[in-house]
């Protein structure tokens, strides 16, 4: 991991100034810039997607902030996008989604946070033809179902069975303790967790 931190700046500079480049050329330039293990840097930063680099169809790599910076992207909004304050990024805005995975690109220009939802990605949620959705409130469940319908207008809710994962009354038995173990509601971490739970 230390190699990645040490090499992040040379990698971004190399790709920003000389990209697009193939892996061998990137490694050669990293080695020339004093990076001890260019193979590890390329693997971690590019193949493990730990940097905002993107791979072109000819297998060369680019630094996405440089490639996309200053460009204007157009996208015709459809009625569901306007109604639900969302964007369907593919195909028009697909290049931007890779940037959203990295700091400081988790926000729009106005500072609003970006949330990326990927259809057909979380296979572990599927059990046959059934998609299991877990939330911690009725409002979030309604929001999740609404989002599914927006993402795929052809989706059909066959059964909307809502069952609690557990009974709150069982928590004291699951987590026994005395009054000295009680949570302090003034503790900022506890308050943040409670706010997240009841939201």
Protein backbone atom coordinates (compact mmCIF):
# COMPACT_ATOMS: atom_id res chain seq x y z
CA UNK A 1 0.00 0.00 0.00
CA UNK A 2 2.89 2.37 0.71
CA UNK A 3 4.06 1.99 -2.89
CA UNK A 4 0.65 3.17 -4.09
CA UNK A 5 0.73 6.26 -1.88
CA UNK A 6 4.29 7.09 -2.94
CA UNK A 7 3.56 6.50 -6.62
CA UNK A 8 0.12 8.09 -6.90
CA UNK A 9 1.51 11.48 -7.82
CA UNK A 10 4.02 10.23 -10.42
CA UNK A 11 1.33 7.99 -11.94
CA UNK A 12 -1.17 10.84 -12.23
CA UNK A 13 1.51 13.15 -13.67
CA UNK A 14 2.67 10.55 -16.19
CA UNK A 15 -0.84 9.81 -17.44
CA UNK A 16 -1.96 13.44 -17.36
CA UNK A 17 1.05 14.70 -19.30
CA UNK A 18 1.81 11.76 -21.60
CA UNK A 19 -1.33 9.61 -21.75
CA UNK A 20 -2.87 7.62 -23.18
CA UNK A 21 -0.15 5.04 -22.52
CA UNK A 22 0.18 1.27 -22.49
CA UNK A 23 1.18 -0.53 -19.30
CA UNK A 24 4.78 -1.17 -20.36
CA UNK A 25 5.32 2.51 -21.08
CA UNK A 26 3.71 3.49 -17.77
CA UNK A 27 6.02 1.09 -15.90
CA UNK A 28 9.06 2.41 -17.79
CA UNK A 29 8.19 6.01 -16.88
CA UNK A 30 7.45 5.09 -13.25
CA UNK A 31 10.81 3.32 -13.00
CA UNK A 32 12.47 6.37 -14.55
CA UNK A 33 10.71 8.54 -11.96
CA UNK A 34 12.23 6.56 -9.10
CA UNK A 35 9.36 4.22 -8.24
CA UNK A 36 10.91 1.03 -6.85
CA UNK A 37 8.16 -1.43 -7.86
CA UNK A 38 6.25 -0.18 -10.93
CA UNK A 39 4.54 -3.58 -11.39
CA UNK A 40 2.90 -3.30 -7.96
CA UNK A 41 1.86 0.29 -8.63
CA UNK A 42 0.29 -0.56 -11.98
CA UNK A 43 -1.52 -3.55 -10.51
CA UNK A 44 -2.84 -1.67 -7.48
CA UNK A 45 -3.68 1.63 -9.16
CA UNK A 46 -4.97 0.40 -12.49
CA UNK A 47 -6.14 -3.20 -12.17
CA UNK A 48 -7.50 -2.90 -8.63
CA UNK A 49 -9.18 0.39 -9.62
CA UNK A 50 -7.53 2.34 -6.79
CA UNK A 51 -7.07 5.45 -8.89
CA UNK A 52 -9.18 7.57 -11.24
CA UNK A 53 -7.52 6.07 -14.30
CA UNK A 54 -9.52 4.64 -17.16
CA UNK A 55 -8.73 2.05 -19.79
CA UNK A 56 -9.50 2.75 -23.43
CA UNK A 57 -10.73 0.11 -25.86
CA UNK A 58 -7.18 -0.29 -27.22
CA UNK A 59 -5.97 -1.16 -23.66
CA UNK A 60 -4.10 2.12 -23.16
CA UNK A 61 -4.66 4.01 -19.90
CA UNK A 62 -5.67 7.64 -19.33
CA UNK A 63 -6.03 9.86 -16.26
CA UNK A 64 -9.79 10.50 -16.23
CA UNK A 65 -9.71 13.90 -14.45
CA UNK A 66 -7.41 15.21 -17.20
CA UNK A 67 -9.29 13.54 -20.03
CA UNK A 68 -12.73 14.68 -18.87
CA UNK A 69 -11.79 18.02 -17.29
CA UNK A 70 -13.33 21.04 -18.98
CA UNK A 71 -15.53 18.96 -21.26
CA UNK A 72 -19.25 19.51 -21.54
CA UNK A 73 -21.48 16.45 -21.53
CA UNK A 74 -25.02 16.57 -22.84
CA UNK A 75 -27.83 14.30 -21.86
CA UNK A 76 -31.51 14.59 -22.71
CA UNK A 77 -33.51 14.14 -19.52
CA UNK A 78 -36.43 11.76 -19.64
CA UNK A 79 -39.59 12.25 -17.58
CA UNK A 80 -38.69 9.66 -14.88
CA UNK A 81 -35.31 11.34 -14.34
CA UNK A 82 -36.93 14.73 -13.80
CA UNK A 83 -39.67 13.31 -11.59
CA UNK A 84 -37.27 11.44 -9.32
CA UNK A 85 -34.22 13.75 -9.36
CA UNK A 86 -31.89 11.19 -10.89
CA UNK A 87 -29.79 10.66 -14.01
CA UNK A 88 -29.56 7.53 -16.11
CA UNK A 89 -25.88 7.74 -16.94
CA UNK A 90 -25.59 5.12 -19.65
CA UNK A 91 -24.73 5.62 -22.40
CA UNK A 92 -24.34 9.43 -22.47
CA UNK A 93 -22.62 9.99 -19.12
CA UNK A 94 -20.97 6.61 -18.61
CA UNK A 95 -17.44 8.05 -18.57
CA UNK A 96 -18.26 10.02 -15.44
CA UNK A 97 -19.29 7.05 -13.31
CA UNK A 98 -15.70 5.83 -12.91
CA UNK A 99 -14.74 9.21 -11.46
CA UNK A 100 -17.53 9.07 -8.89
CA UNK A 101 -15.75 6.12 -7.24
CA UNK A 102 -12.81 8.27 -6.12
CA UNK A 103 -12.29 11.25 -3.83
CA UNK A 104 -12.70 14.15 -4.44
CA UNK A 105 -15.16 13.30 -7.21
CA UNK A 106 -18.04 12.09 -5.00
CA UNK A 107 -19.83 15.41 -5.52
CA UNK A 108 -21.40 17.43 -8.27
CA UNK A 109 -20.12 20.94 -9.05
CA UNK A 110 -22.70 22.42 -6.67
CA UNK A 111 -21.45 20.24 -3.79
CA UNK A 112 -24.38 17.81 -3.84
CA UNK A 113 -23.26 14.22 -3.12
CA UNK A 114 -23.31 11.61 -5.88
CA UNK A 115 -24.91 8.22 -5.32
CA UNK A 116 -24.35 5.63 -8.03
CA UNK A 117 -26.80 2.73 -8.33
CA UNK A 118 -25.78 -0.14 -10.57
CA UNK A 119 -28.45 -2.33 -12.08
CA UNK A 120 -27.66 -6.06 -12.33
CA UNK A 121 -24.47 -5.67 -10.28
CA UNK A 122 -25.26 -7.02 -6.82
CA UNK A 123 -25.84 -10.66 -7.76
CA UNK A 124 -25.69 -11.78 -4.14
CA UNK A 125 -29.04 -10.08 -3.58
CA UNK A 126 -30.69 -12.35 -6.11
CA UNK A 127 -32.17 -15.68 -5.12
CA UNK A 128 -33.36 -17.17 -8.39
CA UNK A 129 -35.76 -14.60 -9.81
CA UNK A 130 -36.25 -12.99 -6.41
CA UNK A 131 -34.50 -9.81 -5.32
CA UNK A 132 -34.25 -9.41 -1.58
CA UNK A 133 -34.09 -5.82 -0.36
CA UNK A 134 -33.27 -5.02 3.26
CA UNK A 135 -33.82 -1.57 4.73
CA UNK A 136 -34.21 -0.21 8.23
CA UNK A 137 -37.42 1.78 7.72
CA UNK A 138 -40.64 1.77 5.72
CA UNK A 139 -39.62 5.02 4.00
CA UNK A 140 -36.35 3.51 2.82
CA UNK A 141 -38.14 0.41 1.57
CA UNK A 142 -40.56 2.58 -0.41
CA UNK A 143 -37.61 4.56 -1.77
CA UNK A 144 -35.75 1.36 -2.75
CA UNK A 145 -38.79 -0.01 -4.59
CA UNK A 146 -39.32 3.32 -6.32
CA UNK A 147 -35.67 3.37 -7.40
CA UNK A 148 -35.93 -0.16 -8.80
CA UNK A 149 -38.95 0.85 -10.86
CA UNK A 150 -37.13 3.96 -12.14
CA UNK A 151 -34.03 2.00 -13.10
CA UNK A 152 -36.03 -0.65 -14.91
CA UNK A 153 -39.57 0.43 -15.82
CA UNK A 154 -40.30 -3.19 -16.76
CA UNK A 155 -39.72 -4.42 -13.22
CA UNK A 156 -42.78 -5.94 -11.63
CA UNK A 157 -43.24 -6.25 -7.87
CA UNK A 158 -44.90 -9.63 -7.41
CA UNK A 159 -44.75 -9.74 -3.64
CA UNK A 160 -44.04 -6.90 -1.25
CA UNK A 161 -43.61 -8.89 1.94
CA UNK A 162 -42.15 -6.81 4.73
CA UNK A 163 -40.76 -8.69 7.68
CA UNK A 164 -38.56 -7.29 10.42
CA UNK A 165 -35.07 -8.74 10.49
CA UNK A 166 -35.37 -8.98 14.26
CA UNK A 167 -37.44 -7.84 17.18
CA UNK A 168 -36.08 -4.81 19.03
CA UNK A 169 -37.35 -6.35 22.27
CA UNK A 170 -34.77 -9.13 21.86
CA UNK A 171 -31.80 -6.75 21.79
CA UNK A 172 -31.20 -6.70 25.58
CA UNK A 173 -30.90 -10.50 25.54
CA UNK A 174 -28.59 -10.44 22.53
CA UNK A 175 -26.38 -7.74 24.03
CA UNK A 176 -26.48 -8.20 27.80
CA UNK A 177 -24.79 -5.64 30.01
CA UNK A 178 -25.29 -3.51 33.05
CA UNK A 179 -25.92 0.20 33.35
CA UNK A 180 -22.19 0.91 33.12
CA UNK A 181 -22.27 -0.43 29.54
CA UNK A 182 -25.10 1.88 28.50
CA UNK A 183 -24.60 4.02 25.43
CA UNK A 184 -24.19 7.72 25.98
CA UNK A 185 -26.66 9.53 23.68
CA UNK A 186 -24.42 12.61 23.85
CA UNK A 187 -21.54 10.68 22.30
CA UNK A 188 -21.23 12.05 18.71
CA UNK A 189 -20.67 8.56 17.25
CA UNK A 190 -23.76 7.19 18.99
CA UNK A 191 -25.82 10.21 17.94
CA UNK A 192 -24.69 9.83 14.31
CA UNK A 193 -25.55 6.11 14.33
CA UNK A 194 -28.98 6.82 15.80
CA UNK A 195 -29.61 9.58 13.25
CA UNK A 196 -28.68 7.19 10.45
CA UNK A 197 -30.92 4.46 11.85
CA UNK A 198 -34.04 6.58 12.21
CA UNK A 199 -33.62 8.52 8.97
